[in-house]
Every structure is written in C-alpha cells, then in structure tokens.
C-alpha atoms as a PDB file:
ATOM      1  CA  UNK A   1     -10.118   3.914 -14.052  1.00  0.00           C
ATOM      2  CA  UNK A   2      -9.751   6.794 -11.490  1.00  0.00           C
ATOM      3  CA  UNK A   3      -6.460   7.605 -10.168  1.00  0.00           C
ATOM      4  CA  UNK A   4      -7.070  10.644  -8.071  1.00  0.00           C
ATOM      5  CA  UNK A   5      -5.247   9.500  -4.876  1.00  0.00           C
ATOM      6  CA  UNK A   6      -2.207   8.435  -7.023  1.00  0.00           C
ATOM      7  CA  UNK A   7      -2.157  11.962  -8.485  1.00  0.00           C
ATOM      8  CA  UNK A   8      -2.360  13.516  -5.037  1.00  0.00           C
ATOM      9  CA  UNK A   9       0.553  11.414  -3.872  1.00  0.00           C
ATOM     10  CA  UNK A  10       2.631  12.266  -7.039  1.00  0.00           C
ATOM     11  CA  UNK A  11       2.058  16.028  -6.315  1.00  0.00           C
ATOM     12  CA  UNK A  12       2.969  15.813  -2.637  1.00  0.00           C
ATOM     13  CA  UNK A  13       6.105  13.823  -3.377  1.00  0.00           C
ATOM     14  CA  UNK A  14       7.299  15.935  -6.461  1.00  0.00           C
ATOM     15  CA  UNK A  15       9.173  18.472  -4.544  1.00  0.00           C
ATOM     16  CA  UNK A  16      10.831  15.955  -2.271  1.00  0.00           C
ATOM     17  CA  UNK A  17      12.505  14.179  -5.195  1.00  0.00           C
ATOM     18  CA  UNK A  18      13.631  17.129  -7.180  1.00  0.00           C
ATOM     19  CA  UNK A  19      17.291  16.552  -8.191  1.00  0.00           C
ATOM     20  CA  UNK A  20      17.199  13.022  -6.603  1.00  0.00           C
ATOM     21  CA  UNK A  21      18.138  10.095  -8.827  1.00  0.00           C
ATOM     22  CA  UNK A  22      17.450   6.445  -8.782  1.00  0.00           C
ATOM     23  CA  UNK A  23      20.315   4.362  -7.188  1.00  0.00           C
ATOM     24  CA  UNK A  24      18.856   0.784  -7.409  1.00  0.00           C
ATOM     25  CA  UNK A  25      15.641  -0.981  -8.502  1.00  0.00           C
ATOM     26  CA  UNK A  26      14.586  -4.574  -7.750  1.00  0.00           C
ATOM     27  CA  UNK A  27      11.419  -5.994  -9.214  1.00  0.00           C
ATOM     28  CA  UNK A  28      10.884  -9.224  -7.309  1.00  0.00           C
ATOM     29  CA  UNK A  29       8.019 -11.758  -7.628  1.00  0.00           C
ATOM     30  CA  UNK A  30       6.262 -10.397  -4.555  1.00  0.00           C
ATOM     31  CA  UNK A  31       7.600  -6.823  -4.067  1.00  0.00           C
ATOM     32  CA  UNK A  32       9.282  -4.126  -5.928  1.00  0.00           C
ATOM     33  CA  UNK A  33      11.955  -1.956  -4.112  1.00  0.00           C
ATOM     34  CA  UNK A  34      13.483   1.334  -5.150  1.00  0.00           C
ATOM     35  CA  UNK A  35      16.553   2.979  -3.515  1.00  0.00           C
ATOM     36  CA  UNK A  36      17.324   6.641  -4.096  1.00  0.00           C
ATOM     37  CA  UNK A  37      20.741   8.196  -4.302  1.00  0.00           C
ATOM     38  CA  UNK A  38      20.131   9.769  -0.883  1.00  0.00           C
ATOM     39  CA  UNK A  39      20.035   6.301   0.615  1.00  0.00           C
ATOM     40  CA  UNK A  40      16.273   6.172   1.201  1.00  0.00           C
ATOM     41  CA  UNK A  41      14.315   3.158   0.016  1.00  0.00           C
ATOM     42  CA  UNK A  42      10.726   2.205  -0.417  1.00  0.00           C
ATOM     43  CA  UNK A  43       8.527  -0.863  -1.170  1.00  0.00           C
ATOM     44  CA  UNK A  44       5.428  -1.589  -3.189  1.00  0.00           C
ATOM     45  CA  UNK A  45       3.651  -4.892  -4.251  1.00  0.00           C
ATOM     46  CA  UNK A  46       4.605  -6.290  -7.594  1.00  0.00           C
ATOM     47  CA  UNK A  47       1.505  -6.782  -9.741  1.00  0.00           C
ATOM     48  CA  UNK A  48       1.193 -10.085 -11.558  1.00  0.00           C
ATOM     49  CA  UNK A  49       1.976  -9.768 -15.281  1.00  0.00           C
ATOM     50  CA  UNK A  50      -0.711 -10.731 -17.786  1.00  0.00           C
ATOM     51  CA  UNK A  51       1.450 -10.423 -20.929  1.00  0.00           C
ATOM     52  CA  UNK A  52       2.934 -13.316 -22.774  1.00  0.00           C
ATOM     53  CA  UNK A  53       6.433 -11.805 -23.051  1.00  0.00           C
ATOM     54  CA  UNK A  54       9.529 -12.550 -20.951  1.00  0.00           C
ATOM     55  CA  UNK A  55      10.277  -8.844 -20.946  1.00  0.00           C
ATOM     56  CA  UNK A  56       8.004  -7.051 -18.515  1.00  0.00           C
ATOM     57  CA  UNK A  57       9.480  -3.579 -18.715  1.00  0.00           C
ATOM     58  CA  UNK A  58      11.043  -2.423 -22.021  1.00  0.00           C
ATOM     59  CA  UNK A  59      13.329   0.226 -20.422  1.00  0.00           C
ATOM     60  CA  UNK A  60      14.791  -2.386 -17.981  1.00  0.00           C
ATOM     61  CA  UNK A  61      18.514  -1.864 -17.535  1.00  0.00           C
ATOM     62  CA  UNK A  62      18.290   1.878 -17.803  1.00  0.00           C
ATOM     63  CA  UNK A  63      16.497   2.876 -14.560  1.00  0.00           C
ATOM     64  CA  UNK A  64      19.414   3.464 -12.351  1.00  0.00           C
ATOM     65  CA  UNK A  65      20.628   7.092 -12.412  1.00  0.00           C
ATOM     66  CA  UNK A  66      17.262   8.244 -13.980  1.00  0.00           C
ATOM     67  CA  UNK A  67      15.721  11.211 -12.207  1.00  0.00           C
ATOM     68  CA  UNK A  68      13.352   9.817  -9.473  1.00  0.00           C
ATOM     69  CA  UNK A  69      10.612  12.066 -10.849  1.00  0.00           C
ATOM     70  CA  UNK A  70      10.539   9.882 -13.889  1.00  0.00           C
ATOM     71  CA  UNK A  71       9.654   6.810 -11.930  1.00  0.00           C
ATOM     72  CA  UNK A  72       7.411   8.652  -9.713  1.00  0.00           C
ATOM     73  CA  UNK A  73       5.304   9.789 -12.782  1.00  0.00           C
ATOM     74  CA  UNK A  74       4.414   5.997 -13.147  1.00  0.00           C
ATOM     75  CA  UNK A  75       1.875   6.460 -10.368  1.00  0.00           C
ATOM     76  CA  UNK A  76      -0.689   7.886 -12.825  1.00  0.00           C
ATOM     77  CA  UNK A  77       0.239   5.545 -15.726  1.00  0.00           C
ATOM     78  CA  UNK A  78      -2.112   2.847 -17.187  1.00  0.00           C
ATOM     79  CA  UNK A  79       0.222  -0.075 -16.531  1.00  0.00           C
ATOM     80  CA  UNK A  80       0.176  -1.479 -12.985  1.00  0.00           C
ATOM     81  CA  UNK A  81       3.844  -2.302 -12.972  1.00  0.00           C
ATOM     82  CA  UNK A  82       4.702   1.327 -13.715  1.00  0.00           C
ATOM     83  CA  UNK A  83       2.363   2.390 -10.789  1.00  0.00           C
ATOM     84  CA  UNK A  84       4.165  -0.077  -8.564  1.00  0.00           C
ATOM     85  CA  UNK A  85       7.633   1.575  -9.477  1.00  0.00           C
ATOM     86  CA  UNK A  86       6.053   4.960  -8.742  1.00  0.00           C
ATOM     87  CA  UNK A  87       4.604   3.925  -5.449  1.00  0.00           C
ATOM     88  CA  UNK A  88       7.924   2.326  -4.410  1.00  0.00           C
ATOM     89  CA  UNK A  89       9.687   5.644  -5.380  1.00  0.00           C
ATOM     90  CA  UNK A  90       7.163   7.620  -3.351  1.00  0.00           C
ATOM     91  CA  UNK A  91       7.551   5.298  -0.328  1.00  0.00           C
ATOM     92  CA  UNK A  92      11.308   5.681  -0.544  1.00  0.00           C
ATOM     93  CA  UNK A  93      10.892   9.607  -0.571  1.00  0.00           C
ATOM     94  CA  UNK A  94       8.586   9.215   2.441  1.00  0.00           C
ATOM     95  CA  UNK A  95      11.160   7.187   4.406  1.00  0.00           C
ATOM     96  CA  UNK A  96      12.428  10.356   6.012  1.00  0.00           C
ATOM     97  CA  UNK A  97       8.929  12.109   6.157  1.00  0.00           C
ATOM     98  CA  UNK A  98       8.013  12.606   9.768  1.00  0.00           C
ATOM     99  CA  UNK A  99       4.631  11.390  10.957  1.00  0.00           C
ATOM    100  CA  UNK A 100       3.831  12.948  14.424  1.00  0.00           C
ATOM    101  CA  UNK A 101       2.097  10.575  16.610  1.00  0.00           C
ATOM    102  CA  UNK A 102       3.104   7.466  14.537  1.00  0.00           C
ATOM    103  CA  UNK A 103       3.337   4.303  16.629  1.00  0.00           C
ATOM    104  CA  UNK A 104       4.368   0.727  16.216  1.00  0.00           C
ATOM    105  CA  UNK A 105       1.298  -0.773  17.885  1.00  0.00           C
ATOM    106  CA  UNK A 106      -0.743  -3.590  16.219  1.00  0.00           C
ATOM    107  CA  UNK A 107      -2.608  -1.938  13.289  1.00  0.00           C
ATOM    108  CA  UNK A 108      -5.852  -3.266  14.557  1.00  0.00           C
ATOM    109  CA  UNK A 109      -5.565  -1.724  18.100  1.00  0.00           C
ATOM    110  CA  UNK A 110      -6.587   1.946  17.379  1.00  0.00           C
ATOM    111  CA  UNK A 111      -9.789   0.604  15.530  1.00  0.00           C
ATOM    112  CA  UNK A 112     -11.360  -0.594  18.689  1.00  0.00           C
ATOM    113  CA  UNK A 113     -12.962  -3.530  16.973  1.00  0.00           C
ATOM    114  CA  UNK A 114     -15.317  -5.688  19.175  1.00  0.00           C
ATOM    115  CA  UNK A 115     -17.501  -8.731  18.610  1.00  0.00           C
ATOM    116  CA  UNK A 116     -20.337  -6.309  17.552  1.00  0.00           C
ATOM    117  CA  UNK A 117     -18.169  -4.639  14.806  1.00  0.00           C
ATOM    118  CA  UNK A 118     -18.961  -5.251  11.111  1.00  0.00           C
ATOM    119  CA  UNK A 119     -15.646  -5.366   9.180  1.00  0.00           C
ATOM    120  CA  UNK A 120     -15.092  -5.281   5.510  1.00  0.00           C
ATOM    121  CA  UNK A 121     -11.568  -6.209   4.462  1.00  0.00           C
ATOM    122  CA  UNK A 122     -10.376  -5.818   0.877  1.00  0.00           C
ATOM    123  CA  UNK A 123      -7.375  -8.064   0.297  1.00  0.00           C
ATOM    124  CA  UNK A 124      -6.537 -11.215   2.223  1.00  0.00           C
ATOM    125  CA  UNK A 125      -4.258 -10.429   5.275  1.00  0.00           C
ATOM    126  CA  UNK A 126      -3.794 -13.826   6.819  1.00  0.00           C
ATOM    127  CA  UNK A 127      -2.618 -12.511  10.286  1.00  0.00           C
ATOM    128  CA  UNK A 128      -5.432 -10.016  10.355  1.00  0.00           C
ATOM    129  CA  UNK A 129      -8.031 -12.678   9.608  1.00  0.00           C
ATOM    130  CA  UNK A 130      -6.684 -14.645  12.454  1.00  0.00           C
ATOM    131  CA  UNK A 131      -6.806 -11.772  14.919  1.00  0.00           C
ATOM    132  CA  UNK A 132     -10.326 -10.781  13.849  1.00  0.00           C
ATOM    133  CA  UNK A 133     -11.401 -14.464  14.219  1.00  0.00           C
ATOM    134  CA  UNK A 134     -10.288 -14.223  17.798  1.00  0.00           C
ATOM    135  CA  UNK A 135     -12.465 -11.114  18.348  1.00  0.00           C
ATOM    136  CA  UNK A 136     -15.490 -12.743  16.868  1.00  0.00           C
ATOM    137  CA  UNK A 137     -16.647  -9.815  14.770  1.00  0.00           C
ATOM    138  CA  UNK A 138     -18.634 -10.113  11.527  1.00  0.00           C
ATOM    139  CA  UNK A 139     -15.994 -10.113   8.677  1.00  0.00           C
ATOM    140  CA  UNK A 140     -16.476  -9.879   4.917  1.00  0.00           C
ATOM    141  CA  UNK A 141     -13.285 -10.498   2.931  1.00  0.00           C
ATOM    142  CA  UNK A 142     -13.417  -9.003  -0.498  1.00  0.00           C
ATOM    143  CA  UNK A 143     -10.755 -10.760  -2.650  1.00  0.00           C
ATOM    144  CA  UNK A 144     -10.196 -11.427  -6.378  1.00  0.00           C
ATOM    145  CA  UNK A 145      -8.747 -14.825  -5.705  1.00  0.00           C
ATOM    146  CA  UNK A 146     -11.788 -17.014  -5.165  1.00  0.00           C
ATOM    147  CA  UNK A 147      -9.599 -20.045  -4.005  1.00  0.00           C
ATOM    148  CA  UNK A 148      -8.970 -18.419  -0.683  1.00  0.00           C
ATOM    149  CA  UNK A 149     -11.352 -19.471   2.191  1.00  0.00           C
ATOM    150  CA  UNK A 150     -14.364 -17.427   3.185  1.00  0.00           C
ATOM    151  CA  UNK A 151     -13.960 -14.628   0.566  1.00  0.00           C
ATOM    152  CA  UNK A 152     -16.585 -12.863  -1.515  1.00  0.00           C
ATOM    153  CA  UNK A 153     -16.181 -11.160  -4.890  1.00  0.00           C
ATOM    154  CA  UNK A 154     -15.659  -7.546  -5.607  1.00  0.00           C
ATOM    155  CA  UNK A 155     -19.269  -7.262  -6.927  1.00  0.00           C
ATOM    156  CA  UNK A 156     -20.578  -8.909  -3.694  1.00  0.00           C
ATOM    157  CA  UNK A 157     -18.240  -6.706  -1.726  1.00  0.00           C
ATOM    158  CA  UNK A 158     -19.935  -3.411  -2.745  1.00  0.00           C
ATOM    159  CA  UNK A 159     -22.792  -4.115  -0.313  1.00  0.00           C
ATOM    160  CA  UNK A 160     -20.359  -5.130   2.463  1.00  0.00           C
ATOM    161  CA  UNK A 161     -18.371  -1.902   1.953  1.00  0.00           C
ATOM    162  CA  UNK A 162     -21.498   0.163   2.242  1.00  0.00           C
ATOM    163  CA  UNK A 163     -22.729  -1.619   5.430  1.00  0.00           C
ATOM    164  CA  UNK A 164     -19.410  -1.904   7.369  1.00  0.00           C
ATOM    165  CA  UNK A 165     -18.449   0.331  10.400  1.00  0.00           C
ATOM    166  CA  UNK A 166     -14.781  -0.630   9.917  1.00  0.00           C
ATOM    167  CA  UNK A 167     -13.081  -1.015   6.404  1.00  0.00           C
ATOM    168  CA  UNK A 168      -9.595  -2.412   6.065  1.00  0.00           C
ATOM    169  CA  UNK A 169      -8.203  -1.542   2.542  1.00  0.00           C
ATOM    170  CA  UNK A 170      -5.000  -3.020   1.112  1.00  0.00           C
ATOM    171  CA  UNK A 171      -2.388  -0.477   0.088  1.00  0.00           C
ATOM    172  CA  UNK A 172      -2.068  -2.409  -3.198  1.00  0.00           C
ATOM    173  CA  UNK A 173      -5.290  -0.780  -4.265  1.00  0.00           C
ATOM    174  CA  UNK A 174      -3.097   2.203  -5.328  1.00  0.00           C
ATOM    175  CA  UNK A 175      -1.311  -0.144  -7.724  1.00  0.00           C
ATOM    176  CA  UNK A 176      -4.543  -1.909  -9.051  1.00  0.00           C
ATOM    177  CA  UNK A 177      -6.068   1.331  -9.586  1.00  0.00           C
ATOM    178  CA  UNK A 178      -9.165   0.467  -7.350  1.00  0.00           C
ATOM    179  CA  UNK A 179      -8.597   2.812  -4.298  1.00  0.00           C
ATOM    180  CA  UNK A 180     -10.830   5.741  -5.549  1.00  0.00           C
ATOM    181  CA  UNK A 181     -13.592   3.361  -6.184  1.00  0.00           C
ATOM    182  CA  UNK A 182     -13.309   1.587  -2.869  1.00  0.00           C
ATOM    183  CA  UNK A 183     -13.378   4.887  -0.970  1.00  0.00           C
ATOM    184  CA  UNK A 184     -16.376   6.017  -2.773  1.00  0.00           C
ATOM    185  CA  UNK A 185     -18.127   2.736  -2.152  1.00  0.00           C
ATOM    186  CA  UNK A 186     -18.028   3.173   1.671  1.00  0.00           C
ATOM    187  CA  UNK A 187     -21.103   4.189   3.576  1.00  0.00           C
ATOM    188  CA  UNK A 188     -20.305   5.904   6.906  1.00  0.00           C
ATOM    189  CA  UNK A 189     -17.693   3.733   8.613  1.00  0.00           C
ATOM    190  CA  UNK A 190     -16.143   5.004  11.938  1.00  0.00           C
ATOM    191  CA  UNK A 191     -12.759   3.682  11.023  1.00  0.00           C
ATOM    192  CA  UNK A 192     -10.977   3.196   7.613  1.00  0.00           C
ATOM    193  CA  UNK A 193      -7.423   1.588   7.646  1.00  0.00           C
ATOM    194  CA  UNK A 194      -5.120   1.559   4.655  1.00  0.00           C
ATOM    195  CA  UNK A 195      -2.799  -1.348   5.405  1.00  0.00           C
ATOM    196  CA  UNK A 196       0.394  -3.137   4.100  1.00  0.00           C
ATOM    197  CA  UNK A 197       3.973  -2.281   3.016  1.00  0.00           C
ATOM    198  CA  UNK A 198       2.645  -0.592  -0.078  1.00  0.00           C
ATOM    199  CA  UNK A 199       0.452   1.815   2.040  1.00  0.00           C
ATOM    200  CA  UNK A 200       2.212   5.365   1.919  1.00  0.00           C
ATOM    201  CA  UNK A 201       2.817   7.020   5.366  1.00  0.00           C
ATOM    202  CA  UNK A 202       1.448  10.236   4.047  1.00  0.00           C
ATOM    203  CA  UNK A 203      -1.617  11.303   6.115  1.00  0.00           C
ATOM    204  CA  UNK A 204      -1.723  14.694   4.261  1.00  0.00           C
ATOM    205  CA  UNK A 205      -3.175  13.301   0.989  1.00  0.00           C
ATOM    206  CA  UNK A 206      -5.909  11.366   2.814  1.00  0.00           C
ATOM    207  CA  UNK A 207      -7.072  14.371   4.909  1.00  0.00           C
ATOM    208  CA  UNK A 208     -10.212  14.901   2.843  1.00  0.00           C
ATOM    209  CA  UNK A 209     -11.039  11.075   2.422  1.00  0.00           C
ATOM    210  CA  UNK A 210     -12.827   8.507   4.859  1.00  0.00           C
ATOM    211  CA  UNK A 211      -9.268   7.169   5.702  1.00  0.00           C
ATOM    212  CA  UNK A 212      -8.715   7.395   9.505  1.00  0.00           C
ATOM    213  CA  UNK A 213      -5.567   5.333   9.784  1.00  0.00           C
ATOM    214  CA  UNK A 214      -2.582   4.248   7.702  1.00  0.00           C
ATOM    215  CA  UNK A 215      -0.333   1.344   8.618  1.00  0.00           C
ATOM    216  CA  UNK A 216       2.672   0.897   6.364  1.00  0.00           C
ATOM    217  CA  UNK A 217       6.425   0.029   6.404  1.00  0.00           C
ATOM    218  CA  UNK A 218       9.458   2.276   6.654  1.00  0.00           C
ATOM    219  CA  UNK A 219      12.638   0.613   5.199  1.00  0.00           C
ATOM    220  CA  UNK A 220      15.444   0.686   7.792  1.00  0.00           C
ATOM    221  CA  UNK A 221      17.913  -1.821   6.226  1.00  0.00           C
ATOM    222  CA  UNK A 222      18.109  -1.263   2.483  1.00  0.00           C
ATOM    223  CA  UNK A 223      20.428  -4.172   1.923  1.00  0.00           C
ATOM    224  CA  UNK A 224      18.339  -6.622   3.770  1.00  0.00           C
ATOM    225  CA  UNK A 225      15.184  -5.610   2.093  1.00  0.00           C
ATOM    226  CA  UNK A 226      16.731  -5.679  -1.375  1.00  0.00           C
ATOM    227  CA  UNK A 227      18.164  -9.137  -0.624  1.00  0.00           C
ATOM    228  CA  UNK A 228      14.839 -10.540   0.314  1.00  0.00           C
ATOM    229  CA  UNK A 229      12.904  -8.839  -2.480  1.00  0.00           C
ATOM    230  CA  UNK A 230      15.426 -10.154  -5.124  1.00  0.00           C
ATOM    231  CA  UNK A 231      15.127 -13.752  -3.853  1.00  0.00           C
ATOM    232  CA  UNK A 232      11.332 -13.757  -4.077  1.00  0.00           C
ATOM    233  CA  UNK A 233      10.536 -12.944  -0.467  1.00  0.00           C
ATOM    234  CA  UNK A 234       7.678 -10.985   1.014  1.00  0.00           C
ATOM    235  CA  UNK A 235       6.439  -9.359   4.224  1.00  0.00           C
ATOM    236  CA  UNK A 236       7.286 -12.080   6.638  1.00  0.00           C
ATOM    237  CA  UNK A 237      10.877 -12.285   5.507  1.00  0.00           C
ATOM    238  CA  UNK A 238      11.678  -8.613   5.153  1.00  0.00           C
ATOM    239  CA  UNK A 239       9.952  -7.734   8.448  1.00  0.00           C
ATOM    240  CA  UNK A 240      13.379  -7.597  10.388  1.00  0.00           C
ATOM    241  CA  UNK A 241      14.534  -4.907   7.983  1.00  0.00           C
ATOM    242  CA  UNK A 242      11.675  -2.435   8.222  1.00  0.00           C
ATOM    243  CA  UNK A 243       9.695  -0.649  10.797  1.00  0.00           C
ATOM    244  CA  UNK A 244       5.846  -1.023  10.657  1.00  0.00           C
ATOM    245  CA  UNK A 245       4.222   2.094  11.687  1.00  0.00           C
ATOM    246  CA  UNK A 246       0.678   3.151  12.164  1.00  0.00           C
ATOM    247  CA  UNK A 247      -0.467   6.821  11.951  1.00  0.00           C
ATOM    248  CA  UNK A 248      -4.059   8.082  12.692  1.00  0.00           C
ATOM    249  CA  UNK A 249      -5.716  11.019  11.195  1.00  0.00           C
ATOM    250  CA  UNK A 250      -8.916  12.878  12.012  1.00  0.00           C
ATOM    251  CA  UNK A 251     -11.534  12.682   9.264  1.00  0.00           C
ATOM    252  CA  UNK A 252     -12.048  15.965   7.627  1.00  0.00           C
ATOM    253  CA  UNK A 253      -8.743  17.583   8.950  1.00  0.00           C
END
C-alpha cells in the first residue's frame, strides 16, 4: 500500500499543530470528528471495522488532551481507523487555512461536464450521480459495494480511469489507502476532482498531481457537527453546520 499523499499532508500540517492538543474526539458510525483545543474541528469518514472485537481502538478514553501531532501521525499508519483520525485532525488544522479563490459553487460546475464527457467516479455519490444523469454524459461508477445500481468493480475501473476525461475521486481514498494508486491509474484527464467531507482543502500538497479541484467541508459549528456524528448521522444531516467549499488549482503549479 502506498501512502505518499498521506505523508505529504502530514508534513504540511505538522507545524500547524505544534503545541496544539486534542479537545474532543467522536467516532461515529458514518463519520469521525476531531476538535482541537484552539476550537477548530475537522471530519473524516469512519471506515468499517472488520474485527470481531467490540473495542475498535485500544487507547480509547485517552485521546483527549493528547498532542494533536500524535493523532496526525495516524495518517501513515496501517490501520484505516487511525488514518481516519489522522485525516480528521488534519482537516481540523485546515479549518483556518486560507484557500484563495475558494467558492461555494456546486462541485461539478468548474469541471464543465457535457454530454460528450467521459466521467469515471470512484465512490458512489448519489446526488452527483443524479446531476450527471441529467447531463447525459458517459459515467462509470467504480465501487466496492456491488449492490449499488450501475457500478463496476475496482478491477474493471482501471480501464475506465485510463480512458476518462473527467475523474471524480472520493476523499475517503486517503483513508482506504487507495488514492496514490487511483492517481497513477489515470490517463490524461482534463479534470480531476477530489470530493467529499474527508477531502482536505489543501491544494498545496496536490500541486504535482493530476488533481485540478478539491471540494471539501469546513466545519463552522462544532457542537452541531459533533451531535450529528455522535448520533450516527452523515453528510445530509451535518450540512447545516459546515461550509462546502471548492478550490481549483492549475496542474503542474
């Protein structure tokens, strides 16, 4: 498993969390949320546990007041849950990170997708599928869950990624450890979108990758987000408590 992008994010964030401690952690069924002692908070998808134990984190109950650097280090660990905690910590640190030119437009708008476009989407984003269906473009949805309608397997998806002119990649690929492989599987798309609340609003680390756009979530109301996450809610329910932002970057810059 390659974790190059996770390492780049960890290095970029490290100075920003020096001396900062963890104030609160919630590991919900759908999302994980981390709050820093400076009041900033971040989100990341909670990976499904494959273990047979009822304890999923053996240092549970001790995370609050730990140095944020300790949770951030989870980004490059082997366990997906530790990577989720690391990514949520990174996103918390990025909550105050300025992204010049960031907008709140629909994430698809800057991509200029038309009926002639060939789109490969990794991860099933229901609202995006609906929007693309209205456009009428060719859409390949690459998804592990074969029960979802109209999806193809990751193995079949390699050909779709190579042939697409627009790629939409889920931010959860930083947690599953697949982002490096997905980026290397692309041919020469004109647009690559990293999408979802897990996606870090950090264009600097993607400057030498094919990524042209990041659409993620900036937490505005910590209490609201933590309440929804704790009660098993997801994107639709914590939407009133975050700002969904889109930032574009020029390939090669």
